Amino acid sequence: MRYEPKKRLTLVLRWIAIVLGCLIVGLYILLPVGMGIAAVIPGREAVDSPPMGFEPVELETEDGISLSAWYAPPTNGAAIVLLHGAGGSREQVRPYADMLTRHGYGVLALDLRGHGMSAGQTNRLGWQSTADVKAAVDYLQAQEGVDQVGGLGLSMGGEVLLGAVSEVAALRAAVADGATRRSTQELLALPSERSLMPSRWMLLPCQGRA
């Protein structure tokens, strides 16, 4: 009987070790693997007919990926590359397309690679999509009445634009609506965000990536 408290303590410590082990496995193995799998699940959101005033167009990137889009010409000389978020399609930006055309802007609403009706492998993180933006900008520059090109992206689409502005010189302006932090440096850039530092472990693999 005198050994019973010791046995209970051993049992409690064993269960604590099991729980901690499960948490570590879930946090550092299952969660990253799950996020990786989610990043490559096909984002084939259905695409309906174009909005009024738009026509369907097909583009091809430098690496041979076929992209689907809607296009409406400008009346003010400026055209906008319009990009959706992760797992979406140009259907997601239909209200933005209507708003921009009402104000005279031309709009190329694009399905990024692996999304909507575009070819290529899905990537919910927006990597390799600078080539998509370049193809869109090249297309707009070849259209009559287009003097300047800008971009508007939602969530992942905003991140894609931020990554493209330094490489696509003809992209004169970019609006990123809902873009997120992609490195520890970006997290530390805003004092208001530094309270989130306990979550910085999630950003460590991305250090140095702009």
N, C-alpha and C. Protein backbone atom coordinates (compact mmCIF):
# COMPACT_ATOMS: atom_id res chain seq x y z
N MET A 1 0.81 -1.20 0.00
CA MET A 1 0.00 0.00 0.00
C MET A 1 0.85 1.27 0.00
N ARG A 2 2.02 1.17 0.64
CA ARG A 2 2.82 2.38 0.74
C ARG A 2 3.40 2.82 -0.61
N TYR A 3 3.38 1.94 -1.61
CA TYR A 3 3.90 2.30 -2.93
C TYR A 3 2.81 2.88 -3.85
N GLU A 4 1.57 2.92 -3.41
CA GLU A 4 0.46 3.39 -4.25
C GLU A 4 0.63 4.84 -4.70
N PRO A 5 1.00 5.78 -3.82
CA PRO A 5 1.21 7.17 -4.28
C PRO A 5 2.29 7.26 -5.37
N LYS A 6 3.33 6.44 -5.24
CA LYS A 6 4.39 6.46 -6.24
C LYS A 6 3.88 5.96 -7.58
N LYS A 7 3.04 4.90 -7.54
CA LYS A 7 2.46 4.38 -8.78
C LYS A 7 1.54 5.40 -9.44
N ARG A 8 0.77 6.10 -8.61
CA ARG A 8 -0.12 7.13 -9.15
C ARG A 8 0.68 8.26 -9.81
N LEU A 9 1.76 8.65 -9.14
CA LEU A 9 2.61 9.70 -9.70
C LEU A 9 3.21 9.26 -11.03
N THR A 10 3.65 8.00 -11.09
CA THR A 10 4.21 7.47 -12.34
C THR A 10 3.17 7.47 -13.45
N LEU A 11 1.94 7.10 -13.11
CA LEU A 11 0.86 7.08 -14.10
C LEU A 11 0.54 8.48 -14.60
N VAL A 12 0.50 9.44 -13.67
CA VAL A 12 0.23 10.84 -14.06
C VAL A 12 1.33 11.37 -14.97
N LEU A 13 2.58 11.11 -14.59
CA LEU A 13 3.70 11.58 -15.40
C LEU A 13 3.69 10.93 -16.78
N ARG A 14 3.29 9.65 -16.83
CA ARG A 14 3.22 8.95 -18.11
C ARG A 14 2.18 9.61 -19.03
N TRP A 15 1.02 9.93 -18.45
CA TRP A 15 -0.03 10.57 -19.27
C TRP A 15 0.38 11.98 -19.69
N ILE A 16 1.07 12.69 -18.82
CA ILE A 16 1.57 14.02 -19.20
C ILE A 16 2.54 13.90 -20.37
N ALA A 17 3.43 12.92 -20.31
CA ALA A 17 4.40 12.71 -21.40
C ALA A 17 3.69 12.35 -22.70
N ILE A 18 2.64 11.51 -22.59
CA ILE A 18 1.88 11.13 -23.79
C ILE A 18 1.19 12.34 -24.41
N VAL A 19 0.56 13.16 -23.57
CA VAL A 19 -0.14 14.35 -24.07
C VAL A 19 0.85 15.32 -24.71
N LEU A 20 1.99 15.56 -24.04
CA LEU A 20 2.99 16.46 -24.60
C LEU A 20 3.54 15.91 -25.91
N GLY A 21 3.76 14.60 -25.97
CA GLY A 21 4.25 13.99 -27.20
C GLY A 21 3.27 14.16 -28.35
N CYS A 22 1.98 13.97 -28.05
CA CYS A 22 0.95 14.15 -29.09
C CYS A 22 0.90 15.60 -29.57
N LEU A 23 1.03 16.55 -28.62
CA LEU A 23 1.02 17.96 -28.99
C LEU A 23 2.21 18.29 -29.89
N ILE A 24 3.38 17.79 -29.55
CA ILE A 24 4.59 18.06 -30.34
C ILE A 24 4.47 17.47 -31.74
N VAL A 25 3.98 16.23 -31.81
CA VAL A 25 3.80 15.58 -33.12
C VAL A 25 2.78 16.35 -33.95
N GLY A 26 1.68 16.76 -33.31
CA GLY A 26 0.65 17.50 -34.04
C GLY A 26 1.14 18.84 -34.51
N LEU A 27 1.89 19.53 -33.65
CA LEU A 27 2.33 20.89 -33.94
C LEU A 27 3.43 20.95 -34.99
N TYR A 28 4.38 20.02 -34.89
CA TYR A 28 5.57 20.10 -35.75
C TYR A 28 5.58 19.11 -36.90
N ILE A 29 4.64 18.16 -36.92
CA ILE A 29 4.59 17.19 -38.02
C ILE A 29 3.23 17.23 -38.73
N LEU A 30 2.15 16.93 -37.98
CA LEU A 30 0.84 16.83 -38.62
C LEU A 30 0.35 18.17 -39.17
N LEU A 31 0.53 19.26 -38.41
CA LEU A 31 0.07 20.57 -38.88
C LEU A 31 0.82 21.02 -40.13
N PRO A 32 2.17 20.99 -40.16
CA PRO A 32 2.87 21.38 -41.39
C PRO A 32 2.52 20.49 -42.59
N VAL A 33 2.40 19.17 -42.34
CA VAL A 33 2.03 18.27 -43.44
C VAL A 33 0.63 18.59 -43.94
N GLY A 34 -0.29 18.84 -43.02
CA GLY A 34 -1.65 19.19 -43.41
C GLY A 34 -1.70 20.48 -44.21
N MET A 35 -0.91 21.48 -43.79
CA MET A 35 -0.88 22.75 -44.52
C MET A 35 -0.28 22.55 -45.91
N GLY A 36 0.72 21.67 -46.01
CA GLY A 36 1.31 21.40 -47.32
C GLY A 36 0.34 20.73 -48.26
N ILE A 37 -0.43 19.77 -47.72
CA ILE A 37 -1.44 19.10 -48.54
C ILE A 37 -2.51 20.09 -48.99
N ALA A 38 -2.96 20.95 -48.06
CA ALA A 38 -3.99 21.92 -48.40
C ALA A 38 -3.52 22.88 -49.49
N ALA A 39 -2.23 23.15 -49.52
CA ALA A 39 -1.69 24.11 -50.50
C ALA A 39 -1.77 23.59 -51.93
N VAL A 40 -1.86 22.26 -52.09
CA VAL A 40 -1.87 21.72 -53.45
C VAL A 40 -3.20 21.04 -53.81
N ILE A 41 -4.22 21.20 -52.96
CA ILE A 41 -5.55 20.69 -53.33
C ILE A 41 -6.07 21.54 -54.47
N PRO A 42 -6.56 20.94 -55.55
CA PRO A 42 -7.03 21.72 -56.70
C PRO A 42 -8.06 22.77 -56.32
N GLY A 43 -7.79 24.01 -56.73
CA GLY A 43 -8.71 25.11 -56.45
C GLY A 43 -9.55 25.40 -57.68
N ARG A 44 -10.44 24.49 -58.01
CA ARG A 44 -11.21 24.60 -59.25
C ARG A 44 -12.60 25.16 -59.01
N GLU A 45 -12.68 26.36 -58.49
CA GLU A 45 -13.97 27.02 -58.32
C GLU A 45 -14.60 27.25 -59.69
N ALA A 46 -15.89 26.96 -59.79
CA ALA A 46 -16.59 27.10 -61.07
C ALA A 46 -16.59 28.55 -61.55
N VAL A 47 -16.56 28.71 -62.87
CA VAL A 47 -16.57 30.04 -63.49
C VAL A 47 -17.81 30.16 -64.38
N ASP A 48 -18.60 31.18 -64.15
CA ASP A 48 -19.82 31.39 -64.91
C ASP A 48 -19.54 32.28 -66.13
N SER A 49 -20.58 32.73 -66.77
CA SER A 49 -20.44 33.60 -67.94
C SER A 49 -19.80 34.93 -67.54
N PRO A 50 -19.13 35.60 -68.48
CA PRO A 50 -18.49 36.89 -68.16
C PRO A 50 -19.52 37.95 -67.78
N PRO A 51 -19.11 38.94 -66.97
CA PRO A 51 -20.00 40.07 -66.70
C PRO A 51 -20.28 40.84 -67.99
N MET A 52 -21.30 41.64 -67.97
CA MET A 52 -21.64 42.44 -69.14
C MET A 52 -20.48 43.36 -69.52
N GLY A 53 -20.14 43.38 -70.81
CA GLY A 53 -19.04 44.21 -71.29
C GLY A 53 -17.70 43.50 -71.32
N PHE A 54 -17.64 42.26 -70.81
CA PHE A 54 -16.40 41.48 -70.79
C PHE A 54 -16.45 40.37 -71.84
N GLU A 55 -15.28 39.96 -72.28
CA GLU A 55 -15.17 38.83 -73.17
C GLU A 55 -14.15 37.84 -72.61
N PRO A 56 -14.34 36.54 -72.83
CA PRO A 56 -13.34 35.57 -72.37
C PRO A 56 -12.10 35.61 -73.24
N VAL A 57 -10.92 35.51 -72.61
CA VAL A 57 -9.66 35.50 -73.34
C VAL A 57 -8.76 34.40 -72.77
N GLU A 58 -7.79 33.98 -73.55
CA GLU A 58 -6.81 32.98 -73.13
C GLU A 58 -5.40 33.57 -73.27
N LEU A 59 -4.57 33.38 -72.25
CA LEU A 59 -3.19 33.86 -72.26
C LEU A 59 -2.26 32.67 -72.09
N GLU A 60 -0.99 32.87 -72.39
CA GLU A 60 0.00 31.83 -72.14
C GLU A 60 1.22 32.46 -71.49
N THR A 61 1.70 31.83 -70.42
CA THR A 61 2.85 32.34 -69.69
C THR A 61 4.15 31.90 -70.36
N GLU A 62 5.25 32.50 -69.91
CA GLU A 62 6.55 32.15 -70.47
C GLU A 62 6.91 30.68 -70.23
N ASP A 63 6.36 30.09 -69.15
CA ASP A 63 6.65 28.68 -68.88
C ASP A 63 5.58 27.74 -69.45
N GLY A 64 4.77 28.27 -70.37
CA GLY A 64 3.85 27.43 -71.13
C GLY A 64 2.54 27.08 -70.46
N ILE A 65 2.13 27.84 -69.44
CA ILE A 65 0.86 27.59 -68.76
C ILE A 65 -0.24 28.41 -69.42
N SER A 66 -1.35 27.77 -69.75
CA SER A 66 -2.50 28.45 -70.35
C SER A 66 -3.39 29.02 -69.25
N LEU A 67 -3.68 30.32 -69.35
CA LEU A 67 -4.48 31.01 -68.34
C LEU A 67 -5.78 31.52 -68.96
N SER A 68 -6.87 31.43 -68.20
CA SER A 68 -8.17 31.92 -68.64
C SER A 68 -8.49 33.22 -67.93
N ALA A 69 -9.18 34.12 -68.64
CA ALA A 69 -9.47 35.44 -68.07
C ALA A 69 -10.71 36.05 -68.73
N TRP A 70 -11.20 37.12 -68.13
CA TRP A 70 -12.20 37.99 -68.75
C TRP A 70 -11.52 39.33 -69.01
N TYR A 71 -11.90 39.97 -70.11
CA TYR A 71 -11.30 41.28 -70.41
C TYR A 71 -12.37 42.28 -70.86
N ALA A 72 -12.24 43.49 -70.33
CA ALA A 72 -13.05 44.63 -70.79
C ALA A 72 -12.10 45.79 -71.02
N PRO A 73 -12.21 46.49 -72.16
CA PRO A 73 -11.29 47.59 -72.48
C PRO A 73 -11.57 48.84 -71.64
N PRO A 74 -10.56 49.70 -71.49
CA PRO A 74 -10.75 50.93 -70.70
C PRO A 74 -11.33 52.06 -71.53
N THR A 75 -11.84 53.04 -70.81
CA THR A 75 -12.23 54.31 -71.45
C THR A 75 -11.37 55.46 -70.94
N ASN A 76 -10.52 55.18 -69.94
CA ASN A 76 -9.67 56.24 -69.37
C ASN A 76 -8.18 55.99 -69.61
N GLY A 77 -7.85 54.94 -70.38
CA GLY A 77 -6.45 54.67 -70.71
C GLY A 77 -5.73 53.76 -69.73
N ALA A 78 -6.37 53.40 -68.62
CA ALA A 78 -5.72 52.56 -67.61
C ALA A 78 -6.43 51.22 -67.51
N ALA A 79 -5.65 50.16 -67.38
CA ALA A 79 -6.21 48.82 -67.24
C ALA A 79 -5.66 48.15 -65.98
N ILE A 80 -6.48 47.31 -65.37
CA ILE A 80 -6.15 46.68 -64.09
C ILE A 80 -6.11 45.17 -64.24
N VAL A 81 -5.03 44.55 -63.75
CA VAL A 81 -4.98 43.10 -63.61
C VAL A 81 -5.67 42.77 -62.29
N LEU A 82 -6.74 41.99 -62.34
CA LEU A 82 -7.56 41.71 -61.17
C LEU A 82 -7.38 40.24 -60.76
N LEU A 83 -6.89 40.01 -59.52
CA LEU A 83 -6.54 38.67 -59.08
C LEU A 83 -7.33 38.26 -57.84
N HIS A 84 -7.76 37.01 -57.85
CA HIS A 84 -8.55 36.42 -56.77
C HIS A 84 -7.66 35.88 -55.65
N GLY A 85 -8.30 35.34 -54.62
CA GLY A 85 -7.57 34.74 -53.50
C GLY A 85 -7.35 33.25 -53.68
N ALA A 86 -6.71 32.62 -52.70
CA ALA A 86 -6.36 31.20 -52.77
C ALA A 86 -7.59 30.32 -52.88
N GLY A 87 -7.56 29.37 -53.80
CA GLY A 87 -8.66 28.45 -53.97
C GLY A 87 -9.86 29.02 -54.69
N GLY A 88 -9.77 30.27 -55.13
CA GLY A 88 -10.90 30.92 -55.80
C GLY A 88 -10.73 30.96 -57.31
N SER A 89 -11.39 31.91 -57.92
CA SER A 89 -11.30 32.12 -59.36
C SER A 89 -11.75 33.55 -59.64
N ARG A 90 -11.84 33.91 -60.92
CA ARG A 90 -12.29 35.28 -61.24
C ARG A 90 -13.73 35.53 -60.81
N GLU A 91 -14.49 34.45 -60.53
CA GLU A 91 -15.83 34.64 -59.97
C GLU A 91 -15.76 35.42 -58.67
N GLN A 92 -14.70 35.22 -57.92
CA GLN A 92 -14.52 35.87 -56.62
C GLN A 92 -14.38 37.38 -56.76
N VAL A 93 -13.91 37.85 -57.90
CA VAL A 93 -13.65 39.28 -58.07
C VAL A 93 -14.67 39.94 -59.00
N ARG A 94 -15.76 39.26 -59.31
CA ARG A 94 -16.78 39.81 -60.20
C ARG A 94 -17.26 41.20 -59.75
N PRO A 95 -17.59 41.41 -58.44
CA PRO A 95 -18.03 42.75 -58.01
C PRO A 95 -16.96 43.82 -58.22
N TYR A 96 -15.67 43.45 -58.03
CA TYR A 96 -14.58 44.41 -58.25
C TYR A 96 -14.46 44.76 -59.73
N ALA A 97 -14.66 43.78 -60.58
CA ALA A 97 -14.60 44.02 -62.02
C ALA A 97 -15.68 45.01 -62.43
N ASP A 98 -16.89 44.82 -61.91
CA ASP A 98 -17.98 45.75 -62.23
C ASP A 98 -17.67 47.16 -61.73
N MET A 99 -17.14 47.26 -60.51
CA MET A 99 -16.82 48.57 -59.94
C MET A 99 -15.77 49.30 -60.80
N LEU A 100 -14.72 48.60 -61.17
CA LEU A 100 -13.64 49.23 -61.93
C LEU A 100 -14.09 49.67 -63.32
N THR A 101 -14.88 48.85 -63.98
CA THR A 101 -15.34 49.24 -65.32
C THR A 101 -16.30 50.43 -65.26
N ARG A 102 -17.08 50.52 -64.19
CA ARG A 102 -17.98 51.68 -64.04
C ARG A 102 -17.19 52.97 -63.95
N HIS A 103 -15.96 52.90 -63.46
CA HIS A 103 -15.12 54.10 -63.33
C HIS A 103 -14.16 54.26 -64.51
N GLY A 104 -14.38 53.52 -65.57
CA GLY A 104 -13.62 53.72 -66.80
C GLY A 104 -12.38 52.87 -66.96
N TYR A 105 -12.05 52.06 -65.97
CA TYR A 105 -10.85 51.24 -66.07
C TYR A 105 -11.09 49.99 -66.93
N GLY A 106 -10.08 49.63 -67.68
CA GLY A 106 -10.09 48.32 -68.30
C GLY A 106 -9.76 47.28 -67.25
N VAL A 107 -10.26 46.06 -67.42
CA VAL A 107 -10.04 45.02 -66.42
C VAL A 107 -9.71 43.70 -67.10
N LEU A 108 -8.65 43.06 -66.61
CA LEU A 108 -8.34 41.69 -66.99
C LEU A 108 -8.46 40.86 -65.71
N ALA A 109 -9.60 40.19 -65.55
CA ALA A 109 -9.84 39.34 -64.38
C ALA A 109 -9.32 37.95 -64.69
N LEU A 110 -8.29 37.54 -63.96
CA LEU A 110 -7.50 36.37 -64.32
C LEU A 110 -7.70 35.22 -63.35
N ASP A 111 -7.81 34.01 -63.89
CA ASP A 111 -7.68 32.80 -63.07
C ASP A 111 -6.19 32.48 -62.97
N LEU A 112 -5.62 32.57 -61.77
CA LEU A 112 -4.22 32.21 -61.61
C LEU A 112 -4.01 30.72 -61.87
N ARG A 113 -2.80 30.34 -62.17
CA ARG A 113 -2.50 28.94 -62.51
C ARG A 113 -3.05 27.97 -61.47
N GLY A 114 -3.68 26.90 -61.99
CA GLY A 114 -4.24 25.90 -61.11
C GLY A 114 -5.56 26.28 -60.48
N HIS A 115 -6.09 27.44 -60.81
CA HIS A 115 -7.36 27.91 -60.27
C HIS A 115 -8.36 28.11 -61.40
N GLY A 116 -9.65 28.04 -61.05
CA GLY A 116 -10.68 28.30 -62.05
C GLY A 116 -10.51 27.42 -63.27
N MET A 117 -10.43 28.07 -64.44
CA MET A 117 -10.29 27.34 -65.70
C MET A 117 -8.87 27.38 -66.26
N SER A 118 -7.93 27.89 -65.48
CA SER A 118 -6.55 27.95 -65.94
C SER A 118 -5.85 26.61 -65.73
N ALA A 119 -4.87 26.34 -66.58
CA ALA A 119 -4.09 25.11 -66.46
C ALA A 119 -3.03 25.28 -65.37
N GLY A 120 -2.23 24.24 -65.18
CA GLY A 120 -1.14 24.31 -64.22
C GLY A 120 -1.50 23.72 -62.88
N GLN A 121 -0.50 23.58 -62.04
CA GLN A 121 -0.68 22.98 -60.71
C GLN A 121 -1.12 24.04 -59.72
N THR A 122 -2.11 23.67 -58.92
CA THR A 122 -2.61 24.60 -57.91
C THR A 122 -1.53 24.92 -56.88
N ASN A 123 -1.47 26.18 -56.51
CA ASN A 123 -0.57 26.60 -55.45
C ASN A 123 -1.28 27.68 -54.66
N ARG A 124 -1.79 27.33 -53.51
CA ARG A 124 -2.57 28.28 -52.72
C ARG A 124 -1.71 29.34 -52.04
N LEU A 125 -0.40 29.28 -52.21
CA LEU A 125 0.49 30.27 -51.63
C LEU A 125 0.96 31.30 -52.66
N GLY A 126 0.59 31.12 -53.91
CA GLY A 126 0.90 32.12 -54.93
C GLY A 126 2.28 32.04 -55.53
N TRP A 127 3.07 31.02 -55.17
CA TRP A 127 4.41 30.90 -55.74
C TRP A 127 4.32 30.61 -57.23
N GLN A 128 5.31 31.06 -57.99
CA GLN A 128 5.40 30.92 -59.45
C GLN A 128 4.38 31.76 -60.22
N SER A 129 3.57 32.55 -59.51
CA SER A 129 2.53 33.30 -60.21
C SER A 129 2.99 34.66 -60.73
N THR A 130 4.25 35.04 -60.48
CA THR A 130 4.77 36.25 -61.10
C THR A 130 4.69 36.12 -62.62
N ALA A 131 4.93 34.90 -63.12
CA ALA A 131 4.83 34.67 -64.57
C ALA A 131 3.41 34.90 -65.06
N ASP A 132 2.40 34.61 -64.22
CA ASP A 132 1.01 34.86 -64.60
C ASP A 132 0.75 36.36 -64.73
N VAL A 133 1.28 37.11 -63.76
CA VAL A 133 1.10 38.57 -63.80
C VAL A 133 1.79 39.15 -65.03
N LYS A 134 2.98 38.68 -65.34
CA LYS A 134 3.71 39.18 -66.51
C LYS A 134 2.92 38.91 -67.79
N ALA A 135 2.34 37.72 -67.91
CA ALA A 135 1.55 37.40 -69.09
C ALA A 135 0.34 38.31 -69.19
N ALA A 136 -0.29 38.61 -68.05
CA ALA A 136 -1.45 39.49 -68.04
C ALA A 136 -1.07 40.91 -68.45
N VAL A 137 0.05 41.40 -67.91
CA VAL A 137 0.51 42.75 -68.24
C VAL A 137 0.89 42.84 -69.72
N ASP A 138 1.58 41.83 -70.23
CA ASP A 138 1.94 41.81 -71.65
C ASP A 138 0.69 41.86 -72.53
N TYR A 139 -0.33 41.11 -72.13
CA TYR A 139 -1.58 41.11 -72.89
C TYR A 139 -2.20 42.51 -72.90
N LEU A 140 -2.27 43.14 -71.73
CA LEU A 140 -2.89 44.45 -71.65
C LEU A 140 -2.12 45.49 -72.45
N GLN A 141 -0.81 45.43 -72.41
CA GLN A 141 -0.02 46.40 -73.15
C GLN A 141 -0.23 46.30 -74.65
N ALA A 142 -0.66 45.14 -75.11
CA ALA A 142 -0.90 44.95 -76.54
C ALA A 142 -2.30 45.37 -76.97
N GLN A 143 -3.14 45.78 -76.00
CA GLN A 143 -4.52 46.14 -76.33
C GLN A 143 -4.66 47.63 -76.66
N GLU A 144 -5.51 47.90 -77.59
CA GLU A 144 -5.75 49.29 -78.01
C GLU A 144 -6.38 50.07 -76.86
N GLY A 145 -5.91 51.28 -76.66
CA GLY A 145 -6.47 52.16 -75.65
C GLY A 145 -5.87 52.00 -74.26
N VAL A 146 -4.92 51.08 -74.10
CA VAL A 146 -4.29 50.86 -72.79
C VAL A 146 -2.95 51.60 -72.75
N ASP A 147 -2.87 52.63 -71.90
CA ASP A 147 -1.64 53.40 -71.76
C ASP A 147 -0.87 53.06 -70.48
N GLN A 148 -1.60 52.66 -69.44
CA GLN A 148 -0.97 52.31 -68.16
C GLN A 148 -1.63 51.06 -67.60
N VAL A 149 -0.85 50.30 -66.83
CA VAL A 149 -1.34 49.05 -66.26
C VAL A 149 -1.08 49.04 -64.76
N GLY A 150 -2.10 48.68 -64.01
CA GLY A 150 -1.98 48.50 -62.56
C GLY A 150 -2.55 47.16 -62.16
N GLY A 151 -2.57 46.89 -60.86
CA GLY A 151 -3.08 45.61 -60.38
C GLY A 151 -3.86 45.75 -59.10
N LEU A 152 -4.84 44.89 -58.93
CA LEU A 152 -5.61 44.80 -57.69
C LEU A 152 -5.76 43.32 -57.36
N GLY A 153 -5.30 42.91 -56.17
CA GLY A 153 -5.37 41.51 -55.78
C GLY A 153 -5.98 41.34 -54.41
N LEU A 154 -6.74 40.26 -54.24
CA LEU A 154 -7.34 39.93 -52.96
C LEU A 154 -6.56 38.80 -52.30
N SER A 155 -6.22 38.97 -51.04
CA SER A 155 -5.56 37.91 -50.27
C SER A 155 -4.33 37.38 -51.01
N MET A 156 -4.34 36.11 -51.42
CA MET A 156 -3.20 35.56 -52.15
C MET A 156 -2.90 36.36 -53.40
N GLY A 157 -3.94 36.84 -54.08
CA GLY A 157 -3.73 37.67 -55.27
C GLY A 157 -2.97 38.94 -54.96
N GLY A 158 -3.21 39.51 -53.77
CA GLY A 158 -2.45 40.68 -53.34
C GLY A 158 -1.00 40.35 -53.12
N GLU A 159 -0.72 39.18 -52.52
CA GLU A 159 0.66 38.76 -52.31
C GLU A 159 1.37 38.52 -53.64
N VAL A 160 0.65 37.95 -54.58
CA VAL A 160 1.23 37.72 -55.91
C VAL A 160 1.64 39.05 -56.53
N LEU A 161 0.79 40.06 -56.43
CA LEU A 161 1.12 41.37 -56.99
C LEU A 161 2.33 41.99 -56.28
N LEU A 162 2.38 41.88 -54.96
CA LEU A 162 3.52 42.43 -54.23
C LEU A 162 4.82 41.78 -54.66
N GLY A 163 4.76 40.50 -54.97
CA GLY A 163 5.95 39.81 -55.44
C GLY A 163 6.31 40.14 -56.87
N ALA A 164 5.32 40.61 -57.65
CA ALA A 164 5.54 40.85 -59.07
C ALA A 164 6.01 42.27 -59.39
N VAL A 165 5.70 43.24 -58.52
CA VAL A 165 5.97 44.63 -58.87
C VAL A 165 7.45 44.91 -59.11
N SER A 166 8.34 44.17 -58.44
CA SER A 166 9.76 44.42 -58.62
C SER A 166 10.30 43.77 -59.89
N GLU A 167 9.54 42.85 -60.48
CA GLU A 167 10.01 42.14 -61.66
C GLU A 167 9.27 42.52 -62.94
N VAL A 168 8.09 43.08 -62.80
CA VAL A 168 7.29 43.47 -63.97
C VAL A 168 7.24 45.00 -64.00
N ALA A 169 8.17 45.59 -64.73
CA ALA A 169 8.35 47.04 -64.70
C ALA A 169 7.12 47.79 -65.19
N ALA A 170 6.36 47.21 -66.08
CA ALA A 170 5.20 47.90 -66.66
C ALA A 170 4.02 47.96 -65.69
N LEU A 171 4.10 47.24 -64.59
CA LEU A 171 3.04 47.29 -63.58
C LEU A 171 3.26 48.53 -62.73
N ARG A 172 2.52 49.59 -63.03
CA ARG A 172 2.80 50.91 -62.45
C ARG A 172 2.28 51.07 -61.02
N ALA A 173 1.27 50.32 -60.65
CA ALA A 173 0.71 50.44 -59.30
C ALA A 173 0.07 49.11 -58.92
N ALA A 174 0.06 48.81 -57.61
CA ALA A 174 -0.55 47.57 -57.15
C ALA A 174 -1.27 47.82 -55.83
N VAL A 175 -2.48 47.30 -55.72
CA VAL A 175 -3.27 47.36 -54.49
C VAL A 175 -3.43 45.94 -53.99
N ALA A 176 -2.95 45.68 -52.77
CA ALA A 176 -3.03 44.34 -52.16
C ALA A 176 -4.06 44.39 -51.04
N ASP A 177 -5.21 43.81 -51.27
CA ASP A 177 -6.30 43.82 -50.29
C ASP A 177 -6.27 42.51 -49.51
N GLY A 178 -5.77 42.55 -48.26
CA GLY A 178 -5.75 41.37 -47.42
C GLY A 178 -4.50 40.53 -47.53
N ALA A 179 -3.41 41.09 -48.06
CA ALA A 179 -2.14 40.35 -48.11
C ALA A 179 -1.63 40.12 -46.69
N THR A 180 -0.89 39.03 -46.49
CA THR A 180 -0.43 38.67 -45.15
C THR A 180 1.09 38.72 -45.04
N ARG A 181 1.59 38.49 -43.82
CA ARG A 181 3.03 38.45 -43.58
C ARG A 181 3.60 37.16 -44.14
N ARG A 182 4.79 37.26 -44.78
CA ARG A 182 5.41 36.07 -45.34
C ARG A 182 6.81 35.82 -44.79
N SER A 183 7.27 36.62 -43.83
CA SER A 183 8.57 36.39 -43.22
C SER A 183 8.60 37.08 -41.85
N THR A 184 9.57 36.69 -41.03
CA THR A 184 9.72 37.32 -39.72
C THR A 184 10.00 38.81 -39.86
N GLN A 185 10.77 39.18 -40.90
CA GLN A 185 11.09 40.60 -41.12
C GLN A 185 9.82 41.41 -41.35
N GLU A 186 8.88 40.86 -42.12
CA GLU A 186 7.63 41.56 -42.36
C GLU A 186 6.81 41.68 -41.09
N LEU A 187 6.85 40.64 -40.25
CA LEU A 187 6.13 40.69 -38.98
C LEU A 187 6.67 41.79 -38.08
N LEU A 188 8.00 41.96 -38.05
CA LEU A 188 8.63 42.94 -37.18
C LEU A 188 8.56 44.36 -37.73
N ALA A 189 8.19 44.51 -39.00
CA ALA A 189 8.18 45.83 -39.62
C ALA A 189 7.12 46.74 -39.01
N LEU A 190 6.02 46.17 -38.50
CA LEU A 190 4.94 46.97 -37.91
C LEU A 190 4.93 46.78 -36.39
N PRO A 191 5.18 47.86 -35.62
CA PRO A 191 5.18 47.73 -34.15
C PRO A 191 3.89 47.12 -33.61
N SER A 192 2.76 47.42 -34.26
CA SER A 192 1.48 46.91 -33.77
C SER A 192 1.37 45.40 -33.87
N GLU A 193 2.23 44.79 -34.69
CA GLU A 193 2.17 43.35 -34.90
C GLU A 193 3.15 42.58 -34.02
N ARG A 194 4.02 43.28 -33.31
CA ARG A 194 5.06 42.59 -32.56
C ARG A 194 4.53 41.79 -31.40
N SER A 195 3.30 42.06 -30.97
CA SER A 195 2.70 41.26 -29.91
C SER A 195 2.41 39.84 -30.36
N LEU A 196 2.48 39.59 -31.66
CA LEU A 196 2.22 38.26 -32.21
C LEU A 196 3.49 37.40 -32.26
N MET A 197 4.57 37.87 -31.70
CA MET A 197 5.83 37.15 -31.78
C MET A 197 5.78 35.70 -31.29
N PRO A 198 4.91 35.32 -30.34
CA PRO A 198 4.86 33.91 -29.98
C PRO A 198 4.56 32.98 -31.14
N SER A 199 3.95 33.52 -32.22
CA SER A 199 3.62 32.68 -33.37
C SER A 199 4.71 32.70 -34.43
N ARG A 200 5.86 33.31 -34.11
CA ARG A 200 6.90 33.47 -35.12
C ARG A 200 7.50 32.15 -35.58
N TRP A 201 7.32 31.06 -34.79
CA TRP A 201 7.85 29.76 -35.21
C TRP A 201 7.28 29.35 -36.55
N MET A 202 6.04 29.80 -36.84
CA MET A 202 5.41 29.43 -38.11
C MET A 202 6.09 30.11 -39.28
N LEU A 203 6.83 31.20 -39.00
CA LEU A 203 7.43 31.97 -40.08
C LEU A 203 8.88 31.62 -40.31
N LEU A 204 9.48 30.85 -39.40
CA LEU A 204 10.92 30.59 -39.50
C LEU A 204 11.33 29.97 -40.84
N PRO A 205 10.56 29.01 -41.41
CA PRO A 205 10.99 28.46 -42.70
C PRO A 205 10.98 29.47 -43.83
N CYS A 206 10.27 30.61 -43.62
CA CYS A 206 10.14 31.61 -44.68
C CYS A 206 11.13 32.76 -44.51
N GLN A 207 12.03 32.68 -43.52
CA GLN A 207 12.93 33.80 -43.27
C GLN A 207 13.72 34.13 -44.53
N GLY A 208 13.77 35.44 -44.83
CA GLY A 208 14.54 35.91 -45.98
C GLY A 208 13.76 35.94 -47.25
N ARG A 209 12.54 35.32 -47.25
CA ARG A 209 11.75 35.33 -48.48
C ARG A 209 10.86 36.56 -48.46
N ALA A 210 10.98 37.41 -49.49
CA ALA A 210 10.21 38.64 -49.52
C ALA A 210 8.89 38.40 -50.20
